[in-house]
Amino acid sequence: MSTTMTTISVYKTSVESETDAKSIEKLISNEFPSSTISFDLDDCDNVLRIETQNGNFNEEIIKQIFKQKNHILEILPF
């Protein structure tokens, strides 16, 4: 019997436009194709939520993507 471990990472971001959000989502999806990525731009923290399976996740890559796009990313504890 195999078990699937889900990891959820939540971030406060400086992303405010739907265009930027879609662009960043695409870059993250290219790096982590099995992940589920969503922005909540209606939230005061412009939240990014990334759900991955079985530890297929590298936060440094996410940080690099945000730096490349000139946006800020902060971990939100939950």
Protein backbone atom coordinates (compact mmCIF):
# COMPACT_ATOMS: atom_id res chain seq x y z
CA MET A 1 0.00 0.00 0.00
CA SER A 2 1.50 3.34 -1.03
CA THR A 3 0.64 6.54 0.74
CA THR A 4 0.64 9.95 -0.84
CA MET A 5 1.99 12.79 1.23
CA THR A 6 0.62 16.22 0.41
CA THR A 7 2.64 19.32 1.20
CA ILE A 8 0.96 22.72 1.25
CA SER A 9 3.04 25.90 1.20
CA VAL A 10 1.43 29.30 1.66
CA TYR A 11 3.10 32.63 0.90
CA LYS A 12 2.42 36.34 1.16
CA THR A 13 3.38 37.97 -2.15
CA SER A 14 3.65 41.36 -3.81
CA VAL A 15 1.73 40.10 -6.87
CA GLU A 16 -1.28 42.33 -7.54
CA SER A 17 -2.23 41.71 -11.18
CA GLU A 18 -3.89 38.67 -12.67
CA THR A 19 -1.38 38.84 -15.54
CA ASP A 20 1.61 38.53 -13.19
CA ALA A 21 -0.12 35.78 -11.22
CA LYS A 22 -0.77 33.71 -14.37
CA SER A 23 2.81 34.20 -15.54
CA ILE A 24 4.23 33.04 -12.19
CA GLU A 25 1.78 30.12 -12.02
CA LYS A 26 3.00 28.96 -15.43
CA LEU A 27 6.67 29.12 -14.39
CA ILE A 28 5.98 27.19 -11.18
CA SER A 29 3.92 24.61 -13.09
CA ASN A 30 6.82 24.10 -15.51
CA GLU A 31 9.12 23.30 -12.56
CA PHE A 32 6.57 21.25 -10.59
CA PRO A 33 4.05 19.85 -13.11
CA SER A 34 2.14 17.75 -10.58
CA SER A 35 1.53 20.68 -8.22
CA THR A 36 -1.63 22.71 -7.73
CA ILE A 37 -0.95 26.45 -7.68
CA SER A 38 -3.34 29.26 -6.88
CA PHE A 39 -3.24 32.95 -6.04
CA ASP A 40 -5.81 34.76 -3.93
CA LEU A 41 -5.38 38.34 -5.07
CA ASP A 42 -8.49 39.40 -3.12
CA ASP A 43 -6.67 38.60 0.13
CA CYS A 44 -4.73 41.50 1.68
CA ASP A 45 -1.57 39.35 1.50
CA ASN A 46 -2.02 38.37 -2.18
CA VAL A 47 -1.62 34.77 -1.12
CA LEU A 48 0.09 32.11 -3.20
CA ARG A 49 -0.77 28.50 -2.29
CA ILE A 50 1.20 25.56 -3.67
CA GLU A 51 0.11 21.98 -3.07
CA THR A 52 2.59 19.24 -4.00
CA GLN A 53 2.63 15.47 -3.71
CA ASN A 54 5.37 13.32 -2.18
CA GLY A 55 7.81 16.13 -1.45
CA ASN A 56 8.20 17.15 -5.09
CA PHE A 57 9.00 20.74 -4.12
CA ASN A 58 12.00 23.05 -3.86
CA GLU A 59 11.36 26.40 -2.22
CA GLU A 60 14.59 27.87 -3.61
CA ILE A 61 13.20 27.52 -7.13
CA ILE A 62 10.05 29.40 -6.07
CA LYS A 63 12.21 32.19 -4.59
CA GLN A 64 14.23 32.39 -7.82
CA ILE A 65 11.06 32.70 -9.91
CA PHE A 66 9.81 35.55 -7.74
CA LYS A 67 13.17 37.31 -7.85
CA GLN A 68 13.25 36.93 -11.65
CA LYS A 69 9.78 38.50 -11.83
CA ASN A 70 10.74 41.30 -9.37
CA HIS A 71 8.19 40.24 -6.78
CA ILE A 72 8.43 39.63 -3.05
CA LEU A 73 7.63 36.29 -1.42
CA GLU A 74 7.25 35.59 2.32
CA ILE A 75 6.29 32.34 4.02
CA LEU A 76 2.95 32.53 5.85
CA PRO A 77 2.66 30.20 8.81
CA PHE A 78 -0.63 28.31 9.15
